[in-house]
C-alpha atoms as a PDB file:
ATOM      1  CA  MET A   1     -49.614 -22.977  -7.784  1.00  0.00           C
ATOM      2  CA  GLN A   2     -46.294 -21.196  -9.313  1.00  0.00           C
ATOM      3  CA  ASN A   3     -44.132 -19.417  -6.304  1.00  0.00           C
ATOM      4  CA  SER A   4     -42.636 -16.058  -8.638  1.00  0.00           C
ATOM      5  CA  ARG A   5     -40.491 -14.075  -6.743  1.00  0.00           C
ATOM      6  CA  TYR A   6     -40.471 -10.320  -7.729  1.00  0.00           C
ATOM      7  CA  PRO A   7     -36.741  -8.973  -7.556  1.00  0.00           C
ATOM      8  CA  GLN A   8     -36.759  -6.302  -4.383  1.00  0.00           C
ATOM      9  CA  PRO A   9     -35.921  -2.566  -5.624  1.00  0.00           C
ATOM     10  CA  GLU A  10     -32.138  -3.227  -3.867  1.00  0.00           C
ATOM     11  CA  GLU A  11     -31.635  -5.869  -6.149  1.00  0.00           C
ATOM     12  CA  VAL A  12     -32.703  -3.998  -9.361  1.00  0.00           C
ATOM     13  CA  ASP A  13     -30.305  -0.761  -7.809  1.00  0.00           C
ATOM     14  CA  GLN A  14     -27.701  -3.552  -7.270  1.00  0.00           C
ATOM     15  CA  LEU A  15     -28.337  -5.126 -11.268  1.00  0.00           C
ATOM     16  CA  LEU A  16     -28.134  -1.848 -12.679  1.00  0.00           C
ATOM     17  CA  ARG A  17     -25.044  -0.885 -11.264  1.00  0.00           C
ATOM     18  CA  ASN A  18     -23.040  -4.113 -12.005  1.00  0.00           C
ATOM     19  CA  ALA A  19     -24.127  -3.167 -15.359  1.00  0.00           C
ATOM     20  CA  GLU A  20     -22.963   0.449 -15.323  1.00  0.00           C
ATOM     21  CA  LEU A  21     -19.433  -0.940 -13.796  1.00  0.00           C
ATOM     22  CA  ARG A  22     -18.938  -3.656 -16.197  1.00  0.00           C
ATOM     23  CA  ASN A  23     -19.612  -1.323 -19.147  1.00  0.00           C
ATOM     24  CA  GLU A  24     -17.641   1.600 -17.809  1.00  0.00           C
ATOM     25  CA  LEU A  25     -14.636  -1.203 -17.461  1.00  0.00           C
ATOM     26  CA  GLU A  26     -14.934  -2.978 -20.638  1.00  0.00           C
ATOM     27  CA  ARG A  27     -11.896   0.050 -22.060  1.00  0.00           C
ATOM     28  CA  TYR A  28     -10.022  -1.744 -19.819  1.00  0.00           C
ATOM     29  CA  PHE A  29     -10.138  -5.570 -20.005  1.00  0.00           C
ATOM     30  CA  ASP A  30      -7.355  -7.388 -20.276  1.00  0.00           C
ATOM     31  CA  GLU A  31      -6.323 -11.336 -19.371  1.00  0.00           C
ATOM     32  CA  SER A  32      -5.706  -9.556 -15.291  1.00  0.00           C
ATOM     33  CA  ILE A  33      -9.356  -9.324 -15.430  1.00  0.00           C
ATOM     34  CA  SER A  34     -10.646 -11.859 -16.881  1.00  0.00           C
ATOM     35  CA  ARG A  35      -8.811 -13.927 -14.485  1.00  0.00           C
ATOM     36  CA  VAL A  36     -10.951 -12.838 -11.947  1.00  0.00           C
ATOM     37  CA  ASN A  37     -13.887 -14.946 -10.886  1.00  0.00           C
ATOM     38  CA  VAL A  38     -16.253 -12.596  -9.442  1.00  0.00           C
ATOM     39  CA  GLN A  39     -19.067 -15.861  -9.377  1.00  0.00           C
ATOM     40  CA  HIS A  40     -18.402 -16.588  -5.719  1.00  0.00           C
ATOM     41  CA  PHE A  41     -18.831 -13.044  -4.686  1.00  0.00           C
ATOM     42  CA  THR A  42     -22.687 -11.533  -3.758  1.00  0.00           C
ATOM     43  CA  LEU A  43     -24.041  -8.783  -6.244  1.00  0.00           C
ATOM     44  CA  ALA A  44     -22.892  -6.081  -3.537  1.00  0.00           C
ATOM     45  CA  ALA A  45     -19.338  -7.715  -2.887  1.00  0.00           C
ATOM     46  CA  GLU A  46     -19.028  -7.604  -7.124  1.00  0.00           C
ATOM     47  CA  ASN A  47     -19.549  -4.333  -7.169  1.00  0.00           C
ATOM     48  CA  GLU A  48     -18.005  -3.099  -4.496  1.00  0.00           C
ATOM     49  CA  PHE A  49     -14.746  -5.423  -6.332  1.00  0.00           C
ATOM     50  CA  LEU A  50     -15.692  -4.082 -10.000  1.00  0.00           C
ATOM     51  CA  ALA A  51     -15.604  -0.129  -8.528  1.00  0.00           C
ATOM     52  CA  ALA A  52     -12.494  -0.627  -7.090  1.00  0.00           C
ATOM     53  CA  MET A  53     -11.095  -1.778 -10.240  1.00  0.00           C
ATOM     54  CA  LEU A  54     -12.494   1.388 -12.256  1.00  0.00           C
ATOM     55  CA  ALA A  55     -10.823   3.478  -9.185  1.00  0.00           C
ATOM     56  CA  TRP A  56      -7.783   1.701 -10.041  1.00  0.00           C
ATOM     57  CA  GLU A  57      -8.256   2.501 -13.913  1.00  0.00           C
ATOM     58  CA  GLN A  58      -9.257   5.962 -13.669  1.00  0.00           C
ATOM     59  CA  ALA A  59      -6.787   6.753 -10.822  1.00  0.00           C
ATOM     60  CA  PRO A  60      -4.619   9.645 -11.476  1.00  0.00           C
ATOM     61  CA  VAL A  61      -0.513   8.678 -11.238  1.00  0.00           C
ATOM     62  CA  VAL A  62       0.660  11.587  -8.951  1.00  0.00           C
ATOM     63  CA  PRO A  63       3.813  12.455  -6.804  1.00  0.00           C
ATOM     64  CA  ILE A  64       2.449  11.520  -3.154  1.00  0.00           C
ATOM     65  CA  CYS A  65       4.497  15.260  -2.139  1.00  0.00           C
ATOM     66  CA  ARG A  66       1.594  16.311  -4.450  1.00  0.00           C
ATOM     67  CA  TRP A  67      -1.218  13.903  -2.646  1.00  0.00           C
ATOM     68  CA  PHE A  68      -1.063  16.891   0.123  1.00  0.00           C
ATOM     69  CA  ASP A  69      -2.307  20.629   0.152  1.00  0.00           C
ATOM     70  CA  PRO A  70      -0.429  21.920   0.051  1.00  0.00           C
ATOM     71  CA  GLU A  71       2.095  20.016  -1.332  1.00  0.00           C
ATOM     72  CA  LEU A  72       4.604  18.130   0.968  1.00  0.00           C
ATOM     73  CA  ARG A  73       7.704  20.004   0.707  1.00  0.00           C
ATOM     74  CA  PRO A  74       9.675  18.944   3.941  1.00  0.00           C
ATOM     75  CA  PRO A  75      13.218  20.539   5.045  1.00  0.00           C
ATOM     76  CA  ARG A  76      16.714  18.904   4.040  1.00  0.00           C
ATOM     77  CA  PRO A  77      17.560  16.367   6.091  1.00  0.00           C
ATOM     78  CA  ASP A  78      21.309  18.244   6.073  1.00  0.00           C
ATOM     79  CA  SER A  79      19.636  21.302   7.289  1.00  0.00           C
ATOM     80  CA  LEU A  80      18.216  19.691  10.428  1.00  0.00           C
ATOM     81  CA  GLY A  81      19.068  19.214  13.954  1.00  0.00           C
ATOM     82  CA  ASP A  82      18.031  16.003  15.578  1.00  0.00           C
ATOM     83  CA  GLY A  83      15.628  17.089  17.447  1.00  0.00           C
ATOM     84  CA  ASP A  84      13.817  19.210  14.430  1.00  0.00           C
ATOM     85  CA  LEU A  85      14.446  15.762  12.230  1.00  0.00           C
ATOM     86  CA  HIS A  86      12.639  13.678  14.914  1.00  0.00           C
ATOM     87  CA  LYS A  87       9.651  16.245  15.259  1.00  0.00           C
ATOM     88  CA  ILE A  88       9.272  16.809  11.326  1.00  0.00           C
ATOM     89  CA  LEU A  89       9.946  12.753  10.816  1.00  0.00           C
ATOM     90  CA  TRP A  90       6.888  11.601  12.881  1.00  0.00           C
ATOM     91  CA  ASP A  91       4.240  14.678  11.365  1.00  0.00           C
ATOM     92  CA  ILE A  92       5.590  13.338   8.084  1.00  0.00           C
ATOM     93  CA  VAL A  93       5.174   9.757   9.303  1.00  0.00           C
ATOM     94  CA  HIS A  94       1.728  10.664  10.493  1.00  0.00           C
ATOM     95  CA  ARG A  95       0.534  12.790   7.640  1.00  0.00           C
ATOM     96  CA  LEU A  96       1.310   9.569   5.123  1.00  0.00           C
ATOM     97  CA  TYR A  97      -0.670   6.839   7.421  1.00  0.00           C
ATOM     98  CA  GLN A  98      -3.973   9.913   6.583  1.00  0.00           C
ATOM     99  CA  LYS A  99      -2.921   9.196   3.013  1.00  0.00           C
ATOM    100  CA  ARG A 100      -3.638   5.966   3.512  1.00  0.00           C
ATOM    101  CA  ILE A 101       0.425   4.924   3.565  1.00  0.00           C
ATOM    102  CA  VAL A 102       1.969   2.560   5.518  1.00  0.00           C
ATOM    103  CA  LEU A 103       5.581   2.604   6.385  1.00  0.00           C
ATOM    104  CA  ASP A 104       6.954  -1.142   6.550  1.00  0.00           C
ATOM    105  CA  PHE A 105      10.477  -2.288   7.751  1.00  0.00           C
ATOM    106  CA  THR A 106      11.772   0.937   9.123  1.00  0.00           C
ATOM    107  CA  ASP A 107      13.787   0.044  12.609  1.00  0.00           C
ATOM    108  CA  HIS A 108      16.834  -0.794  11.350  1.00  0.00           C
ATOM    109  CA  LEU A 109      17.091   2.836   9.655  1.00  0.00           C
ATOM    110  CA  SER A 110      17.936   6.098  12.427  1.00  0.00           C
ATOM    111  CA  ASP A 111      15.236   8.573  12.011  1.00  0.00           C
ATOM    112  CA  ARG A 112      17.889  10.752   9.877  1.00  0.00           C
ATOM    113  CA  ASP A 113      18.398   7.844   7.470  1.00  0.00           C
ATOM    114  CA  LEU A 114      13.800   7.072   7.598  1.00  0.00           C
ATOM    115  CA  TYR A 115      13.542  10.975   6.805  1.00  0.00           C
ATOM    116  CA  ARG A 116      16.310  11.087   4.207  1.00  0.00           C
ATOM    117  CA  LEU A 117      14.204   7.704   2.586  1.00  0.00           C
ATOM    118  CA  ILE A 118      10.898   9.577   2.848  1.00  0.00           C
ATOM    119  CA  VAL A 119      12.390  12.831   1.515  1.00  0.00           C
ATOM    120  CA  ARG A 120      14.072  11.129  -1.590  1.00  0.00           C
ATOM    121  CA  ASP A 121      12.257   8.029  -2.370  1.00  0.00           C
ATOM    122  CA  ILE A 122       9.089   8.502  -1.180  1.00  0.00           C
ATOM    123  CA  LEU A 123       7.687  11.944  -1.696  1.00  0.00           C
ATOM    124  CA  PRO A 124       8.429  11.794  -5.170  1.00  0.00           C
ATOM    125  CA  ALA A 125       7.410   8.810  -6.100  1.00  0.00           C
ATOM    126  CA  ARG A 126       4.597   8.475  -8.519  1.00  0.00           C
ATOM    127  CA  GLU A 127       1.956   6.652  -7.459  1.00  0.00           C
ATOM    128  CA  LYS A 128      -1.916   5.831  -7.925  1.00  0.00           C
ATOM    129  CA  LYS A 129      -4.230   8.138  -6.234  1.00  0.00           C
ATOM    130  CA  LEU A 130      -6.771   6.249  -5.167  1.00  0.00           C
ATOM    131  CA  GLU A 131      -9.269   8.458  -3.172  1.00  0.00           C
ATOM    132  CA  GLY A 132     -12.419   6.724  -1.091  1.00  0.00           C
ATOM    133  CA  LEU A 133     -11.109   3.394  -1.156  1.00  0.00           C
ATOM    134  CA  ASN A 134      -9.745   1.271   1.940  1.00  0.00           C
ATOM    135  CA  ASN A 135      -6.990   0.603   0.555  1.00  0.00           C
ATOM    136  CA  TYR A 136      -3.797   1.317   1.766  1.00  0.00           C
ATOM    137  CA  LEU A 137       0.462   1.387  -0.152  1.00  0.00           C
ATOM    138  CA  HIS A 138       2.493  -0.675   1.657  1.00  0.00           C
ATOM    139  CA  TRP A 139       6.155   1.255   1.313  1.00  0.00           C
ATOM    140  CA  ASP A 140       9.139  -1.096   1.982  1.00  0.00           C
ATOM    141  CA  CYS A 141      11.908   0.367   3.427  1.00  0.00           C
ATOM    142  CA  THR A 142      14.501  -2.296   3.203  1.00  0.00           C
ATOM    143  CA  GLY A 143      15.411   0.000  -0.151  1.00  0.00           C
ATOM    144  CA  ALA A 144      14.457   0.523  -3.588  1.00  0.00           C
ATOM    145  CA  SER A 145      15.467  -2.716  -4.874  1.00  0.00           C
ATOM    146  CA  GLY A 146      14.109  -4.860  -1.849  1.00  0.00           C
ATOM    147  CA  ASP A 147      17.329  -5.730   0.188  1.00  0.00           C
ATOM    148  CA  THR A 148      17.980  -9.311   1.175  1.00  0.00           C
ATOM    149  CA  ASP A 149      20.988  -9.160   3.165  1.00  0.00           C
ATOM    150  CA  VAL A 150      18.863  -6.316   5.400  1.00  0.00           C
ATOM    151  CA  TRP A 151      15.229  -8.025   5.268  1.00  0.00           C
ATOM    152  CA  LEU A 152      17.643 -11.795   6.226  1.00  0.00           C
ATOM    153  CA  ARG A 153      19.241  -9.710   8.797  1.00  0.00           C
ATOM    154  CA  TYR A 154      16.246  -8.063  10.704  1.00  0.00           C
ATOM    155  CA  TYR A 155      12.857  -9.082   9.656  1.00  0.00           C
ATOM    156  CA  ALA A 156      13.192 -12.339   8.224  1.00  0.00           C
ATOM    157  CA  THR A 157      11.489 -15.494  10.146  1.00  0.00           C
ATOM    158  CA  GLU A 158      13.616 -18.410  10.986  1.00  0.00           C
ATOM    159  CA  ASP A 159      11.559 -20.459   8.503  1.00  0.00           C
ATOM    160  CA  GLU A 160      11.563 -17.848   5.810  1.00  0.00           C
ATOM    161  CA  ARG A 161      15.568 -17.601   6.623  1.00  0.00           C
ATOM    162  CA  ASP A 162      15.916 -21.546   5.942  1.00  0.00           C
ATOM    163  CA  ASP A 163      13.945 -21.566   2.625  1.00  0.00           C
ATOM    164  CA  TRP A 164      16.093 -18.579   1.486  1.00  0.00           C
ATOM    165  CA  ALA A 165      19.124 -20.495   2.339  1.00  0.00           C
ATOM    166  CA  GLU A 166      17.912 -23.993   0.779  1.00  0.00           C
ATOM    167  CA  MET A 167      16.975 -21.700  -2.551  1.00  0.00           C
ATOM    168  CA  TYR A 168      20.052 -19.802  -3.046  1.00  0.00           C
ATOM    169  CA  GLY A 169      22.824 -22.492  -1.753  1.00  0.00           C
ATOM    170  CA  GLN A 170      24.077 -18.761  -0.160  1.00  0.00           C
ATOM    171  CA  PRO A 171      24.985 -18.052   3.557  1.00  0.00           C
ATOM    172  CA  LEU A 172      23.031 -16.422   5.816  1.00  0.00           C
ATOM    173  CA  PRO A 173      24.488 -13.263   7.142  1.00  0.00           C
ATOM    174  CA  PRO A 174      23.577 -13.327  10.737  1.00  0.00           C
ATOM    175  CA  MET A 175      20.542 -12.016  12.469  1.00  0.00           C
ATOM    176  CA  LEU A 176      20.506  -8.748  14.253  1.00  0.00           C
ATOM    177  CA  PRO A 177      18.340  -7.181  16.815  1.00  0.00           C
ATOM    178  CA  LEU A 178      16.481  -4.327  15.195  1.00  0.00           C
ATOM    179  CA  PRO A 179      18.592  -0.848  16.407  1.00  0.00           C
ATOM    180  CA  TYR A 180      15.881   1.482  16.240  1.00  0.00           C
ATOM    181  CA  PRO A 181      12.356  -0.230  17.253  1.00  0.00           C
ATOM    182  CA  ARG A 182       9.703   2.161  16.652  1.00  0.00           C
ATOM    183  CA  GLN A 183       5.715   1.971  16.793  1.00  0.00           C
ATOM    184  CA  LEU A 184       4.695   3.400  13.377  1.00  0.00           C
ATOM    185  CA  PRO A 185       1.243   3.291  12.590  1.00  0.00           C
ATOM    186  CA  ARG A 186      -0.030  -0.166  11.041  1.00  0.00           C
ATOM    187  CA  GLU A 187      -3.082  -0.903   8.559  1.00  0.00           C
ATOM    188  CA  PRO A 188      -5.836  -1.683  10.553  1.00  0.00           C
ATOM    189  CA  GLY A 189      -6.015  -5.904  11.168  1.00  0.00           C
ATOM    190  CA  GLN A 190      -2.061  -5.948  10.951  1.00  0.00           C
END
């Protein structure tokens, strides 16, 4: 007697969804997509991955300030006293987090410097606005170019500092304590 197994309705739905996603992604196909090995995924996980890829490809690139309704336009930093600035800063930090934007490496910045960075660099930055995905946009606040000196002084581990010194053959800046430690919202699990 031959053991034949008929696909379950949910398996058929997954297969149909997979074909639909692959068809929609075809126009975006390039070498980066072909390097992804989905053979180790379950069909449901593969579909989730393909749906995330499609969402990325179709997401509009919009200044972060326009991710909010109404548009997020905080007052200029030089127009605020320290107390008001602190209150508005924390409101903005929490609003950014609600949009899944996490600020990394901020503890070397005063509240005013962090506020300036947000107003000047983060809010006008054009980024892909992804809806409904579980990903976070991490913003490295060590500087637009990733200031190595700041990272080495405040955030790098001893091993990272040693690796950097060995790789570049340059003296290391002294490690310093973080002058403005704060507990910003983090991506879950980090």
